[in-house]
């Protein structure tokens, strides 16, 4: 595993790209989990997008409500299908069917050509 940041490329092996994700709620509102709720509107999810096309690659709901300064460990998630060369993905938080919020993280990935 390698730590990712906004300002550098992460070298990845050929094959699907996976990441371990922990997010911290530094806002005042409690993040709502879709678990146990009839309505998903306003529940919090991490969305992974292809930076070039902006298409959603995957969406990951938080497992439990997260209070101010609490954290949610999403575990291991898929970032992208196998890549060759350079790709970028965007990780962003969304309140389902409402809006994006917080800081977006763009991760540059580099894999060896086949």
N, C-alpha and C. Protein backbone atom coordinates (compact mmCIF):
# COMPACT_ATOMS: atom_id res chain seq x y z
N UNK A 1 0.84 -1.18 0.00
CA UNK A 1 0.00 0.00 0.00
C UNK A 1 0.87 1.23 0.00
N UNK A 2 0.39 2.26 -0.64
CA UNK A 2 1.13 3.52 -0.72
C UNK A 2 0.18 4.66 -0.45
N UNK A 3 0.63 5.65 0.34
CA UNK A 3 -0.22 6.80 0.64
C UNK A 3 -0.38 7.67 -0.60
N UNK A 4 -1.61 8.09 -0.85
CA UNK A 4 -1.90 8.94 -2.01
C UNK A 4 -2.13 10.36 -1.56
N UNK A 5 -1.76 11.31 -2.41
CA UNK A 5 -2.00 12.72 -2.12
C UNK A 5 -2.34 13.43 -3.42
N UNK A 6 -2.77 14.66 -3.29
CA UNK A 6 -3.20 15.47 -4.43
C UNK A 6 -2.06 15.78 -5.39
N UNK A 7 -0.84 15.79 -4.91
CA UNK A 7 0.24 16.38 -5.70
C UNK A 7 1.25 15.40 -6.28
N UNK A 8 1.00 14.10 -6.25
CA UNK A 8 1.98 13.18 -6.81
C UNK A 8 1.32 11.98 -7.47
N UNK A 9 2.09 11.31 -8.33
CA UNK A 9 1.62 10.09 -8.98
C UNK A 9 1.84 8.91 -8.06
N UNK A 10 0.91 7.99 -8.10
CA UNK A 10 1.04 6.74 -7.36
C UNK A 10 1.28 5.64 -8.39
N UNK A 11 2.37 4.92 -8.22
CA UNK A 11 2.67 3.80 -9.11
C UNK A 11 1.87 2.59 -8.66
N UNK A 12 1.18 1.97 -9.61
CA UNK A 12 0.34 0.82 -9.29
C UNK A 12 0.74 -0.36 -10.17
N UNK A 13 0.48 -1.55 -9.68
CA UNK A 13 0.73 -2.75 -10.46
C UNK A 13 -0.37 -2.91 -11.50
N UNK A 14 -0.09 -3.69 -12.51
CA UNK A 14 -1.13 -4.00 -13.49
C UNK A 14 -2.26 -4.73 -12.78
N UNK A 15 -3.47 -4.49 -13.20
CA UNK A 15 -4.62 -5.12 -12.56
C UNK A 15 -5.52 -4.07 -11.96
N UNK A 16 -6.63 -4.51 -11.35
CA UNK A 16 -7.55 -3.54 -10.74
C UNK A 16 -6.84 -2.74 -9.65
N UNK A 17 -7.20 -1.46 -9.54
CA UNK A 17 -6.59 -0.58 -8.55
C UNK A 17 -7.54 -0.48 -7.36
N UNK A 18 -7.01 -0.79 -6.17
CA UNK A 18 -7.81 -0.76 -4.94
C UNK A 18 -7.16 0.20 -3.95
N UNK A 19 -7.97 0.71 -3.04
CA UNK A 19 -7.47 1.65 -2.03
C UNK A 19 -8.14 1.37 -0.70
N UNK A 20 -7.45 1.69 0.39
CA UNK A 20 -8.05 1.68 1.72
C UNK A 20 -8.39 3.12 2.06
N UNK A 21 -9.63 3.35 2.50
CA UNK A 21 -10.09 4.72 2.69
C UNK A 21 -10.63 4.92 4.10
N UNK A 22 -10.14 6.00 4.74
CA UNK A 22 -10.68 6.47 6.01
C UNK A 22 -11.00 7.94 5.82
N UNK A 23 -12.24 8.34 6.17
CA UNK A 23 -12.65 9.73 6.00
C UNK A 23 -13.06 10.29 7.36
N UNK A 24 -12.79 11.59 7.54
CA UNK A 24 -13.09 12.26 8.81
C UNK A 24 -14.10 13.36 8.57
N UNK A 25 -15.11 13.42 9.41
CA UNK A 25 -16.15 14.44 9.32
C UNK A 25 -15.68 15.68 10.09
N UNK A 26 -15.19 16.68 9.35
CA UNK A 26 -14.76 17.91 10.00
C UNK A 26 -15.78 19.04 9.87
N UNK A 27 -17.00 18.66 9.50
CA UNK A 27 -18.11 19.62 9.47
C UNK A 27 -18.94 19.46 10.73
N UNK A 28 -19.89 20.30 10.93
CA UNK A 28 -20.68 20.25 12.16
C UNK A 28 -21.86 19.28 12.07
N UNK A 29 -22.35 19.03 10.87
CA UNK A 29 -23.50 18.15 10.71
C UNK A 29 -23.07 16.68 10.78
N UNK A 30 -23.89 15.87 11.39
CA UNK A 30 -23.65 14.42 11.43
C UNK A 30 -23.88 13.86 10.03
N UNK A 31 -22.97 13.00 9.56
CA UNK A 31 -23.16 12.32 8.30
C UNK A 31 -24.11 11.16 8.53
N UNK A 32 -25.10 11.01 7.67
CA UNK A 32 -26.09 9.96 7.81
C UNK A 32 -25.77 8.77 6.91
N UNK A 33 -25.82 7.60 7.47
CA UNK A 33 -25.63 6.36 6.73
C UNK A 33 -26.96 5.92 6.14
N UNK A 34 -26.94 5.30 4.97
CA UNK A 34 -28.20 4.79 4.40
C UNK A 34 -28.70 3.53 5.12
N UNK A 35 -27.85 2.90 5.91
CA UNK A 35 -28.23 1.66 6.59
C UNK A 35 -29.41 1.90 7.53
N UNK A 36 -30.46 1.11 7.35
CA UNK A 36 -31.61 1.19 8.23
C UNK A 36 -32.57 2.34 7.93
N UNK A 37 -32.34 3.07 6.86
CA UNK A 37 -33.22 4.19 6.51
C UNK A 37 -34.03 3.83 5.26
N UNK A 38 -35.28 4.22 5.25
CA UNK A 38 -36.12 3.97 4.07
C UNK A 38 -35.72 4.89 2.93
N UNK A 39 -35.39 6.12 3.23
CA UNK A 39 -34.99 7.10 2.21
C UNK A 39 -33.46 7.22 2.19
N UNK A 40 -32.86 7.23 1.00
CA UNK A 40 -31.41 7.40 0.91
C UNK A 40 -31.03 8.86 0.66
N UNK A 41 -32.02 9.72 0.37
CA UNK A 41 -31.74 11.13 0.09
C UNK A 41 -31.02 11.77 1.27
N UNK A 42 -29.87 12.40 0.99
CA UNK A 42 -29.09 13.08 2.02
C UNK A 42 -28.10 12.19 2.74
N UNK A 43 -28.11 10.88 2.47
CA UNK A 43 -27.12 10.01 3.11
C UNK A 43 -25.76 10.19 2.44
N UNK A 44 -24.71 9.88 3.17
CA UNK A 44 -23.36 10.22 2.73
C UNK A 44 -22.67 9.02 2.07
N UNK A 45 -22.04 9.32 0.92
CA UNK A 45 -21.33 8.33 0.14
C UNK A 45 -20.02 8.93 -0.36
N UNK A 46 -19.01 8.08 -0.53
CA UNK A 46 -17.79 8.47 -1.24
C UNK A 46 -17.97 8.01 -2.68
N UNK A 47 -17.79 8.93 -3.62
CA UNK A 47 -17.93 8.61 -5.04
C UNK A 47 -16.55 8.69 -5.69
N UNK A 48 -16.25 7.69 -6.52
CA UNK A 48 -15.01 7.66 -7.29
C UNK A 48 -15.38 7.93 -8.74
N UNK A 49 -14.74 8.94 -9.34
CA UNK A 49 -15.01 9.32 -10.73
C UNK A 49 -13.75 9.23 -11.59
N UNK A 50 -13.93 8.94 -12.84
CA UNK A 50 -12.85 9.04 -13.82
C UNK A 50 -12.62 10.53 -14.05
N UNK A 51 -11.41 11.01 -13.85
CA UNK A 51 -11.13 12.45 -13.95
C UNK A 51 -11.31 12.98 -15.36
N UNK A 52 -11.10 12.13 -16.36
CA UNK A 52 -11.21 12.58 -17.74
C UNK A 52 -12.67 12.70 -18.18
N UNK A 53 -13.47 11.67 -17.90
CA UNK A 53 -14.85 11.65 -18.38
C UNK A 53 -15.86 12.13 -17.34
N UNK A 54 -15.45 12.15 -16.08
CA UNK A 54 -16.30 12.48 -14.93
C UNK A 54 -17.36 11.39 -14.65
N UNK A 55 -17.27 10.27 -15.34
CA UNK A 55 -18.20 9.17 -15.09
C UNK A 55 -17.94 8.57 -13.72
N UNK A 56 -19.01 8.15 -13.05
CA UNK A 56 -18.89 7.49 -11.76
C UNK A 56 -18.36 6.08 -11.98
N UNK A 57 -17.25 5.76 -11.31
CA UNK A 57 -16.67 4.43 -11.38
C UNK A 57 -17.20 3.53 -10.27
N UNK A 58 -17.40 4.11 -9.10
CA UNK A 58 -17.96 3.36 -7.97
C UNK A 58 -18.48 4.34 -6.92
N UNK A 59 -19.37 3.83 -6.08
CA UNK A 59 -19.97 4.63 -5.01
C UNK A 59 -19.97 3.79 -3.74
N UNK A 60 -19.58 4.41 -2.61
CA UNK A 60 -19.38 3.67 -1.37
C UNK A 60 -20.08 4.40 -0.22
N UNK A 61 -21.21 3.86 0.25
CA UNK A 61 -21.92 4.49 1.37
C UNK A 61 -21.16 4.27 2.68
N UNK A 62 -21.30 5.22 3.60
CA UNK A 62 -20.72 5.00 4.93
C UNK A 62 -21.60 3.97 5.64
N UNK A 63 -20.99 3.19 6.53
CA UNK A 63 -21.70 2.07 7.16
C UNK A 63 -22.54 2.49 8.36
N UNK A 64 -22.17 3.60 9.00
CA UNK A 64 -22.88 4.07 10.19
C UNK A 64 -22.83 5.59 10.22
N UNK A 65 -23.74 6.22 10.96
CA UNK A 65 -23.72 7.67 11.11
C UNK A 65 -22.38 8.11 11.69
N UNK A 66 -21.88 9.27 11.23
CA UNK A 66 -20.58 9.78 11.68
C UNK A 66 -20.78 11.18 12.26
N UNK A 67 -20.53 11.37 13.57
CA UNK A 67 -20.69 12.68 14.18
C UNK A 67 -19.51 13.60 13.82
N UNK A 68 -19.63 14.86 14.19
CA UNK A 68 -18.54 15.83 14.04
C UNK A 68 -17.25 15.27 14.61
N UNK A 69 -16.19 15.34 13.84
CA UNK A 69 -14.85 14.84 14.14
C UNK A 69 -14.76 13.32 14.28
N UNK A 70 -15.83 12.64 13.91
CA UNK A 70 -15.78 11.18 13.87
C UNK A 70 -15.18 10.72 12.55
N UNK A 71 -14.88 9.45 12.45
CA UNK A 71 -14.32 8.93 11.20
C UNK A 71 -15.07 7.69 10.75
N UNK A 72 -14.99 7.47 9.44
CA UNK A 72 -15.60 6.29 8.83
C UNK A 72 -14.52 5.57 8.05
N UNK A 73 -14.30 4.32 8.36
CA UNK A 73 -13.37 3.49 7.60
C UNK A 73 -14.17 2.73 6.56
N UNK A 74 -13.91 3.01 5.30
CA UNK A 74 -14.63 2.34 4.23
C UNK A 74 -13.97 1.02 3.85
N UNK A 75 -12.81 0.77 4.41
CA UNK A 75 -12.11 -0.47 4.09
C UNK A 75 -11.47 -0.38 2.72
N UNK A 76 -11.38 -1.51 2.07
CA UNK A 76 -10.74 -1.59 0.76
C UNK A 76 -11.80 -1.41 -0.32
N UNK A 77 -11.58 -0.43 -1.20
CA UNK A 77 -12.55 -0.16 -2.26
C UNK A 77 -11.85 -0.21 -3.62
N UNK A 78 -12.63 -0.43 -4.67
CA UNK A 78 -12.12 -0.42 -6.03
C UNK A 78 -12.05 1.02 -6.52
N UNK A 79 -10.88 1.41 -7.02
CA UNK A 79 -10.75 2.74 -7.61
C UNK A 79 -10.97 2.68 -9.12
N UNK A 80 -10.37 1.69 -9.75
CA UNK A 80 -10.44 1.58 -11.21
C UNK A 80 -10.25 0.15 -11.65
N UNK A 81 -10.79 -0.13 -12.83
CA UNK A 81 -10.51 -1.41 -13.46
C UNK A 81 -9.04 -1.39 -13.89
N UNK A 82 -8.50 -2.47 -14.40
CA UNK A 82 -7.08 -2.46 -14.78
C UNK A 82 -6.75 -1.27 -15.69
N UNK A 83 -5.60 -0.67 -15.42
CA UNK A 83 -5.16 0.47 -16.23
C UNK A 83 -3.78 0.18 -16.82
N UNK A 84 -3.47 0.88 -17.87
CA UNK A 84 -2.13 0.86 -18.45
C UNK A 84 -1.78 2.32 -18.73
N UNK A 85 -0.59 2.72 -18.38
CA UNK A 85 -0.21 4.11 -18.58
C UNK A 85 -0.64 4.97 -17.41
N UNK A 86 -1.15 6.17 -17.73
CA UNK A 86 -1.54 7.12 -16.68
C UNK A 86 -3.04 7.37 -16.71
N UNK A 87 -3.62 7.39 -15.52
CA UNK A 87 -5.03 7.71 -15.35
C UNK A 87 -5.16 8.57 -14.10
N UNK A 88 -6.28 9.27 -13.98
CA UNK A 88 -6.57 10.03 -12.76
C UNK A 88 -7.98 9.72 -12.32
N UNK A 89 -8.15 9.62 -11.00
CA UNK A 89 -9.47 9.42 -10.42
C UNK A 89 -9.74 10.54 -9.43
N UNK A 90 -11.01 10.85 -9.26
CA UNK A 90 -11.45 11.87 -8.31
C UNK A 90 -12.24 11.17 -7.22
N UNK A 91 -11.91 11.46 -5.97
CA UNK A 91 -12.69 10.97 -4.83
C UNK A 91 -13.41 12.18 -4.26
N UNK A 92 -14.73 12.06 -4.10
CA UNK A 92 -15.50 13.17 -3.56
C UNK A 92 -16.64 12.65 -2.70
N UNK A 93 -17.00 13.45 -1.72
CA UNK A 93 -18.10 13.11 -0.82
C UNK A 93 -19.38 13.69 -1.39
N UNK A 94 -20.48 12.92 -1.26
CA UNK A 94 -21.77 13.42 -1.71
C UNK A 94 -22.84 13.13 -0.66
N UNK A 95 -23.78 14.04 -0.57
CA UNK A 95 -25.02 13.79 0.15
C UNK A 95 -25.98 13.35 -0.95
N UNK A 96 -26.35 12.10 -0.95
CA UNK A 96 -27.11 11.46 -2.04
C UNK A 96 -28.31 12.30 -2.46
N UNK A 97 -28.39 12.54 -3.77
CA UNK A 97 -29.49 13.29 -4.38
C UNK A 97 -29.59 14.72 -3.88
N UNK A 98 -28.50 15.24 -3.30
CA UNK A 98 -28.50 16.64 -2.83
C UNK A 98 -27.31 17.38 -3.43
N UNK A 99 -26.09 17.10 -2.92
CA UNK A 99 -24.94 17.84 -3.43
C UNK A 99 -23.63 17.16 -3.03
N UNK A 100 -22.58 17.59 -3.70
CA UNK A 100 -21.23 17.21 -3.29
C UNK A 100 -20.85 18.12 -2.13
N UNK A 101 -19.89 17.68 -1.33
CA UNK A 101 -19.40 18.55 -0.26
C UNK A 101 -17.96 18.18 0.07
N UNK A 102 -17.30 19.10 0.75
CA UNK A 102 -15.92 18.85 1.17
C UNK A 102 -14.93 18.98 0.03
N UNK A 103 -13.70 18.64 0.36
CA UNK A 103 -12.59 18.74 -0.59
C UNK A 103 -12.56 17.52 -1.50
N UNK A 104 -12.38 17.75 -2.78
CA UNK A 104 -12.18 16.65 -3.74
C UNK A 104 -10.71 16.27 -3.76
N UNK A 105 -10.45 15.01 -3.87
CA UNK A 105 -9.08 14.52 -3.99
C UNK A 105 -8.91 13.89 -5.36
N UNK A 106 -7.96 14.41 -6.13
CA UNK A 106 -7.64 13.82 -7.43
C UNK A 106 -6.34 13.03 -7.27
N UNK A 107 -6.40 11.76 -7.62
CA UNK A 107 -5.23 10.89 -7.50
C UNK A 107 -4.76 10.50 -8.89
N UNK A 108 -3.49 10.74 -9.18
CA UNK A 108 -2.88 10.35 -10.44
C UNK A 108 -2.25 8.97 -10.27
N UNK A 109 -2.63 8.07 -11.17
CA UNK A 109 -2.15 6.69 -11.11
C UNK A 109 -1.30 6.40 -12.33
N UNK A 110 -0.22 5.67 -12.14
CA UNK A 110 0.63 5.26 -13.25
C UNK A 110 0.88 3.77 -13.14
N UNK A 111 0.66 3.08 -14.26
CA UNK A 111 0.91 1.64 -14.30
C UNK A 111 1.81 1.35 -15.51
N UNK A 112 2.57 0.27 -15.42
CA UNK A 112 3.41 -0.09 -16.57
C UNK A 112 2.55 -0.43 -17.79
N UNK A 113 3.04 -0.09 -18.97
CA UNK A 113 2.33 -0.43 -20.19
C UNK A 113 2.39 -1.95 -20.39
N UNK A 114 1.33 -2.52 -21.01
CA UNK A 114 1.31 -3.98 -21.19
C UNK A 114 2.37 -4.47 -22.16
